[in-house]
Amino acid sequence: MSFEEYKRNRYVHPSYPKPEPTFDDYAYYRSFDRYVRSVKRINPVVYDKITRRRIEGASEVIEVGLQVLCHQSWYKSQHSIAMYLRKWSVDQYINWQQTNAPRLGQVSRQRRGTLDWTVLEFQLEPQPNNGGSSGPYQYWMLPVGETGYTFMLGLGANQESLKHPETHARMQTAFLRLIDSMKIEPIAR
């Protein structure tokens, strides 16, 4: 997509005005950095979380980087699988997850095949009031050699997911097959 197409195709909701995209926005959209590095921007439009009214003259710093590489969700059973790659250590991942979670999770180490994974697991939350699915309750993290990057897979479910026990068991099995299929190998030159 060219810069001109990017500007024309960018969706702007009338009640949430945004400035016209810049070339920097376009370059970021085209870069891999949005997946692996923390990128922050100034958001010139801020809404009060209680009244949902715009706060005139306010701005805030928001995280726009660290996006998911791949995400798939199943609405009926409230399951999801997400894949992340970040220029973070496992400890940074755990700290970030624990800071942003409503409750602390349990950290464990698990060996699957030849790889040693760090697992962060949370209790299943109730379904959110907005009807959406909740986030991952299991995060499996694996450092990518000595690169400073960490690969993470997340399995999402909530208490609504337990009403579909057969699907829940199949999702867990499929997720563990993904974990077992991982290989970290040096690139041949």
C-alpha atoms as a PDB file:
ATOM      1  CA  MET A   1       0.000   0.000   0.000  1.00  0.00           C
ATOM      2  CA  SER A   2       1.394   3.395  -0.964  1.00  0.00           C
ATOM      3  CA  PHE A   3       1.422   6.370   1.394  1.00  0.00           C
ATOM      4  CA  GLU A   4      -1.444   7.994  -0.557  1.00  0.00           C
ATOM      5  CA  GLU A   5      -3.541   4.789  -0.331  1.00  0.00           C
ATOM      6  CA  TYR A   6      -2.741   4.546   3.379  1.00  0.00           C
ATOM      7  CA  LYS A   7      -4.026   8.097   3.964  1.00  0.00           C
ATOM      8  CA  ARG A   8      -7.200   7.466   1.918  1.00  0.00           C
ATOM      9  CA  ASN A   9      -7.984   4.087   3.523  1.00  0.00           C
ATOM     10  CA  ARG A  10      -7.368   4.977   7.144  1.00  0.00           C
ATOM     11  CA  TYR A  11     -10.665   4.758   8.994  1.00  0.00           C
ATOM     12  CA  VAL A  12     -11.521   7.803  11.093  1.00  0.00           C
ATOM     13  CA  HIS A  13     -14.689   7.702  13.181  1.00  0.00           C
ATOM     14  CA  PRO A  14     -16.439  11.107  13.199  1.00  0.00           C
ATOM     15  CA  SER A  15     -16.802  11.174  17.002  1.00  0.00           C
ATOM     16  CA  TYR A  16     -13.126  10.343  17.506  1.00  0.00           C
ATOM     17  CA  PRO A  17     -11.245  12.897  15.418  1.00  0.00           C
ATOM     18  CA  LYS A  18      -7.654  12.078  14.570  1.00  0.00           C
ATOM     19  CA  PRO A  19      -5.094  14.158  12.754  1.00  0.00           C
ATOM     20  CA  GLU A  20      -4.334  13.176   9.178  1.00  0.00           C
ATOM     21  CA  PRO A  21      -1.737  10.387   9.077  1.00  0.00           C
ATOM     22  CA  THR A  22       1.846  11.489   8.578  1.00  0.00           C
ATOM     23  CA  PHE A  23       4.570   9.754   6.651  1.00  0.00           C
ATOM     24  CA  ASP A  24       6.032   8.668  10.021  1.00  0.00           C
ATOM     25  CA  ASP A  25       2.724   6.920  10.781  1.00  0.00           C
ATOM     26  CA  TYR A  26       2.934   5.189   7.415  1.00  0.00           C
ATOM     27  CA  ALA A  27       6.582   4.180   7.928  1.00  0.00           C
ATOM     28  CA  TYR A  28       5.681   2.745  11.341  1.00  0.00           C
ATOM     29  CA  TYR A  29       2.718   0.871   9.808  1.00  0.00           C
ATOM     30  CA  ARG A  30       5.113  -0.701   7.278  1.00  0.00           C
ATOM     31  CA  SER A  31       7.866  -1.526   9.790  1.00  0.00           C
ATOM     32  CA  PHE A  32       8.404  -4.629  11.881  1.00  0.00           C
ATOM     33  CA  ASP A  33       9.090  -2.444  14.948  1.00  0.00           C
ATOM     34  CA  ARG A  34       5.380  -2.239  15.768  1.00  0.00           C
ATOM     35  CA  TYR A  35       5.504  -5.907  16.719  1.00  0.00           C
ATOM     36  CA  VAL A  36       8.716  -6.072  18.705  1.00  0.00           C
ATOM     37  CA  ARG A  37       9.571  -2.681  20.231  1.00  0.00           C
ATOM     38  CA  SER A  38       7.793  -0.332  22.585  1.00  0.00           C
ATOM     39  CA  VAL A  39       6.595   2.698  20.625  1.00  0.00           C
ATOM     40  CA  LYS A  40       4.681   5.488  22.327  1.00  0.00           C
ATOM     41  CA  ARG A  41       2.718   8.355  20.781  1.00  0.00           C
ATOM     42  CA  ILE A  42       0.902  11.409  22.084  1.00  0.00           C
ATOM     43  CA  ASN A  43      -2.859  10.938  21.837  1.00  0.00           C
ATOM     44  CA  PRO A  44      -4.410  14.419  21.489  1.00  0.00           C
ATOM     45  CA  VAL A  45      -7.928  13.175  22.226  1.00  0.00           C
ATOM     46  CA  VAL A  46      -8.695  11.992  25.765  1.00  0.00           C
ATOM     47  CA  TYR A  47     -12.051  10.811  27.087  1.00  0.00           C
ATOM     48  CA  ASP A  48     -13.120  10.605  30.721  1.00  0.00           C
ATOM     49  CA  LYS A  49     -13.432   6.902  31.583  1.00  0.00           C
ATOM     50  CA  ILE A  50     -16.578   7.423  33.678  1.00  0.00           C
ATOM     51  CA  THR A  51     -18.578  10.031  31.758  1.00  0.00           C
ATOM     52  CA  ARG A  52     -17.095   9.106  28.363  1.00  0.00           C
ATOM     53  CA  ARG A  53     -16.931  12.777  27.473  1.00  0.00           C
ATOM     54  CA  ARG A  54     -13.979  14.339  25.770  1.00  0.00           C
ATOM     55  CA  ILE A  55     -11.617  16.254  28.053  1.00  0.00           C
ATOM     56  CA  GLU A  56     -10.765  19.482  26.250  1.00  0.00           C
ATOM     57  CA  GLY A  57      -7.077  20.321  26.019  1.00  0.00           C
ATOM     58  CA  ALA A  58      -5.949  16.995  27.491  1.00  0.00           C
ATOM     59  CA  SER A  59      -3.475  14.624  25.891  1.00  0.00           C
ATOM     60  CA  GLU A  60      -1.905  11.357  26.977  1.00  0.00           C
ATOM     61  CA  VAL A  61       0.978   9.110  26.077  1.00  0.00           C
ATOM     62  CA  ILE A  62      -0.253   5.775  24.718  1.00  0.00           C
ATOM     63  CA  GLU A  63       1.512   2.575  23.734  1.00  0.00           C
ATOM     64  CA  VAL A  64       1.094   1.840  20.036  1.00  0.00           C
ATOM     65  CA  GLY A  65       3.914  -0.665  19.646  1.00  0.00           C
ATOM     66  CA  LEU A  66       4.137  -4.185  20.951  1.00  0.00           C
ATOM     67  CA  GLN A  67       1.339  -5.405  18.727  1.00  0.00           C
ATOM     68  CA  VAL A  68       0.415  -9.045  18.379  1.00  0.00           C
ATOM     69  CA  LEU A  69       2.049 -10.931  15.480  1.00  0.00           C
ATOM     70  CA  CYS A  70      -0.864 -13.294  15.049  1.00  0.00           C
ATOM     71  CA  HIS A  71      -4.199 -13.609  16.827  1.00  0.00           C
ATOM     72  CA  GLN A  72      -7.185 -15.891  16.342  1.00  0.00           C
ATOM     73  CA  SER A  73     -10.291 -15.967  18.497  1.00  0.00           C
ATOM     74  CA  TRP A  74     -13.402 -18.120  18.629  1.00  0.00           C
ATOM     75  CA  TYR A  75     -16.392 -16.117  19.833  1.00  0.00           C
ATOM     76  CA  LYS A  76     -18.779 -18.958  20.669  1.00  0.00           C
ATOM     77  CA  SER A  77     -16.396 -20.792  22.993  1.00  0.00           C
ATOM     78  CA  GLN A  78     -14.544 -17.615  24.102  1.00  0.00           C
ATOM     79  CA  HIS A  79     -11.093 -18.978  23.246  1.00  0.00           C
ATOM     80  CA  SER A  80      -8.146 -17.272  21.609  1.00  0.00           C
ATOM     81  CA  ILE A  81      -4.559 -17.949  20.661  1.00  0.00           C
ATOM     82  CA  ALA A  82      -2.067 -15.130  20.218  1.00  0.00           C
ATOM     83  CA  MET A  83       1.599 -14.999  19.240  1.00  0.00           C
ATOM     84  CA  TYR A  84       4.009 -12.245  20.232  1.00  0.00           C
ATOM     85  CA  LEU A  85       7.670 -11.484  19.600  1.00  0.00           C
ATOM     86  CA  ARG A  86       9.270  -8.710  21.627  1.00  0.00           C
ATOM     87  CA  LYS A  87      12.714  -7.297  22.246  1.00  0.00           C
ATOM     88  CA  TRP A  88      12.203  -8.030  25.942  1.00  0.00           C
ATOM     89  CA  SER A  89      13.569 -10.563  28.371  1.00  0.00           C
ATOM     90  CA  VAL A  90      11.289 -13.158  29.942  1.00  0.00           C
ATOM     91  CA  ASP A  91      11.471 -11.205  33.224  1.00  0.00           C
ATOM     92  CA  GLN A  92      10.340  -8.000  31.473  1.00  0.00           C
ATOM     93  CA  TYR A  93       7.403  -9.912  29.977  1.00  0.00           C
ATOM     94  CA  ILE A  94       6.409 -11.302  33.372  1.00  0.00           C
ATOM     95  CA  ASN A  95       6.692  -7.894  35.031  1.00  0.00           C
ATOM     96  CA  TRP A  96       4.561  -6.278  32.301  1.00  0.00           C
ATOM     97  CA  GLN A  97       1.896  -9.007  32.510  1.00  0.00           C
ATOM     98  CA  GLN A  98       1.755  -8.991  36.323  1.00  0.00           C
ATOM     99  CA  THR A  99       1.503  -5.175  36.387  1.00  0.00           C
ATOM    100  CA  ASN A 100      -1.425  -5.114  33.927  1.00  0.00           C
ATOM    101  CA  ALA A 101      -3.375  -8.111  35.268  1.00  0.00           C
ATOM    102  CA  PRO A 102      -6.213  -7.815  37.807  1.00  0.00           C
ATOM    103  CA  ARG A 103      -4.631 -10.597  39.906  1.00  0.00           C
ATOM    104  CA  LEU A 104      -1.120 -11.975  40.168  1.00  0.00           C
ATOM    105  CA  GLY A 105      -0.362 -15.051  38.111  1.00  0.00           C
ATOM    106  CA  GLN A 106       1.688 -18.128  38.935  1.00  0.00           C
ATOM    107  CA  VAL A 107       5.091 -18.475  37.264  1.00  0.00           C
ATOM    108  CA  SER A 108       6.511 -21.922  36.547  1.00  0.00           C
ATOM    109  CA  ARG A 109       9.172 -23.502  34.349  1.00  0.00           C
ATOM    110  CA  GLN A 110       8.227 -26.347  32.037  1.00  0.00           C
ATOM    111  CA  ARG A 111      10.345 -28.426  29.706  1.00  0.00           C
ATOM    112  CA  ARG A 112       8.629 -29.427  26.464  1.00  0.00           C
ATOM    113  CA  GLY A 113      10.836 -31.469  24.161  1.00  0.00           C
ATOM    114  CA  THR A 114      14.257 -29.829  24.173  1.00  0.00           C
ATOM    115  CA  LEU A 115      13.042 -26.344  25.162  1.00  0.00           C
ATOM    116  CA  ASP A 116      12.664 -24.803  28.607  1.00  0.00           C
ATOM    117  CA  TRP A 117       9.605 -22.550  28.729  1.00  0.00           C
ATOM    118  CA  THR A 118       8.581 -20.038  31.351  1.00  0.00           C
ATOM    119  CA  VAL A 119       4.820 -20.191  31.930  1.00  0.00           C
ATOM    120  CA  LEU A 120       2.715 -17.460  33.510  1.00  0.00           C
ATOM    121  CA  GLU A 121      -0.789 -18.665  34.347  1.00  0.00           C
ATOM    122  CA  PHE A 122      -3.792 -16.727  35.640  1.00  0.00           C
ATOM    123  CA  GLN A 123      -7.162 -17.867  36.966  1.00  0.00           C
ATOM    124  CA  LEU A 124      -9.948 -17.806  34.416  1.00  0.00           C
ATOM    125  CA  GLU A 125     -11.850 -14.526  34.660  1.00  0.00           C
ATOM    126  CA  PRO A 126     -15.605 -14.122  34.124  1.00  0.00           C
ATOM    127  CA  GLN A 127     -16.705 -13.005  30.681  1.00  0.00           C
ATOM    128  CA  PRO A 128     -16.375  -9.203  30.372  1.00  0.00           C
ATOM    129  CA  ASN A 129     -19.583  -7.164  30.520  1.00  0.00           C
ATOM    130  CA  ASN A 130     -19.056  -5.915  26.967  1.00  0.00           C
ATOM    131  CA  GLY A 131     -19.523  -9.484  25.654  1.00  0.00           C
ATOM    132  CA  GLY A 132     -15.968  -9.806  24.338  1.00  0.00           C
ATOM    133  CA  SER A 133     -13.627 -12.593  25.209  1.00  0.00           C
ATOM    134  CA  SER A 134     -11.057 -12.110  27.919  1.00  0.00           C
ATOM    135  CA  GLY A 135      -7.340 -12.196  27.317  1.00  0.00           C
ATOM    136  CA  PRO A 136      -4.909 -15.053  27.665  1.00  0.00           C
ATOM    137  CA  TYR A 137      -4.796 -16.968  30.906  1.00  0.00           C
ATOM    138  CA  GLN A 138      -1.639 -18.860  29.947  1.00  0.00           C
ATOM    139  CA  TYR A 139       1.495 -17.212  28.571  1.00  0.00           C
ATOM    140  CA  TRP A 140       4.303 -19.487  27.410  1.00  0.00           C
ATOM    141  CA  MET A 141       7.577 -17.578  26.973  1.00  0.00           C
ATOM    142  CA  LEU A 142      10.790 -18.659  25.304  1.00  0.00           C
ATOM    143  CA  PRO A 143      13.957 -16.583  24.789  1.00  0.00           C
ATOM    144  CA  VAL A 144      15.163 -16.616  21.196  1.00  0.00           C
ATOM    145  CA  GLY A 145      18.780 -17.630  21.775  1.00  0.00           C
ATOM    146  CA  GLU A 146      21.034 -14.709  22.711  1.00  0.00           C
ATOM    147  CA  THR A 147      19.168 -12.166  20.546  1.00  0.00           C
ATOM    148  CA  GLY A 148      17.388 -10.322  23.369  1.00  0.00           C
ATOM    149  CA  TYR A 149      14.029 -11.261  21.822  1.00  0.00           C
ATOM    150  CA  THR A 150      11.425 -13.414  23.520  1.00  0.00           C
ATOM    151  CA  PHE A 151       8.754 -15.424  21.758  1.00  0.00           C
ATOM    152  CA  MET A 152       5.434 -15.756  23.569  1.00  0.00           C
ATOM    153  CA  LEU A 153       2.290 -17.765  22.889  1.00  0.00           C
ATOM    154  CA  GLY A 154      -0.898 -16.950  24.794  1.00  0.00           C
ATOM    155  CA  LEU A 155      -3.939 -19.168  25.268  1.00  0.00           C
ATOM    156  CA  GLY A 156      -7.057 -17.188  26.064  1.00  0.00           C
ATOM    157  CA  ALA A 157     -10.255 -18.337  27.726  1.00  0.00           C
ATOM    158  CA  ASN A 158     -12.647 -17.242  30.441  1.00  0.00           C
ATOM    159  CA  GLN A 159     -15.199 -18.919  32.694  1.00  0.00           C
ATOM    160  CA  GLU A 160     -17.674 -18.969  29.814  1.00  0.00           C
ATOM    161  CA  SER A 161     -15.200 -21.240  27.964  1.00  0.00           C
ATOM    162  CA  LEU A 162     -15.672 -23.927  30.617  1.00  0.00           C
ATOM    163  CA  LYS A 163     -19.300 -24.314  29.457  1.00  0.00           C
ATOM    164  CA  HIS A 164     -17.777 -25.944  26.357  1.00  0.00           C
ATOM    165  CA  PRO A 165     -15.610 -28.636  28.018  1.00  0.00           C
ATOM    166  CA  GLU A 166     -14.873 -30.639  24.860  1.00  0.00           C
ATOM    167  CA  THR A 167     -13.844 -27.511  22.944  1.00  0.00           C
ATOM    168  CA  HIS A 168     -11.794 -26.296  25.918  1.00  0.00           C
ATOM    169  CA  ALA A 169      -9.889 -29.604  26.058  1.00  0.00           C
ATOM    170  CA  ARG A 170      -9.284 -29.512  22.291  1.00  0.00           C
ATOM    171  CA  MET A 171      -8.012 -25.921  22.470  1.00  0.00           C
ATOM    172  CA  GLN A 172      -5.582 -26.859  25.236  1.00  0.00           C
ATOM    173  CA  THR A 173      -4.375 -29.866  23.218  1.00  0.00           C
ATOM    174  CA  ALA A 174      -3.927 -27.788  20.058  1.00  0.00           C
ATOM    175  CA  PHE A 175      -2.101 -25.102  22.037  1.00  0.00           C
ATOM    176  CA  LEU A 176       0.320 -27.639  23.524  1.00  0.00           C
ATOM    177  CA  ARG A 177       0.964 -29.020  20.022  1.00  0.00           C
ATOM    178  CA  LEU A 178       1.966 -25.493  18.977  1.00  0.00           C
ATOM    179  CA  ILE A 179       4.299 -25.316  21.974  1.00  0.00           C
ATOM    180  CA  ASP A 180       5.775 -28.723  21.134  1.00  0.00           C
ATOM    181  CA  SER A 181       6.337 -27.739  17.487  1.00  0.00           C
ATOM    182  CA  MET A 182       8.621 -24.804  18.391  1.00  0.00           C
ATOM    183  CA  LYS A 183      12.284 -24.953  17.389  1.00  0.00           C
ATOM    184  CA  ILE A 184      14.981 -22.383  18.049  1.00  0.00           C
ATOM    185  CA  GLU A 185      17.829 -22.899  15.609  1.00  0.00           C
ATOM    186  CA  PRO A 186      20.603 -20.658  14.332  1.00  0.00           C
ATOM    187  CA  ILE A 187      20.195 -19.390  10.786  1.00  0.00           C
ATOM    188  CA  ALA A 188      22.698 -21.003   8.432  1.00  0.00           C
ATOM    189  CA  ARG A 189      24.810 -18.457   6.570  1.00  0.00           C
END
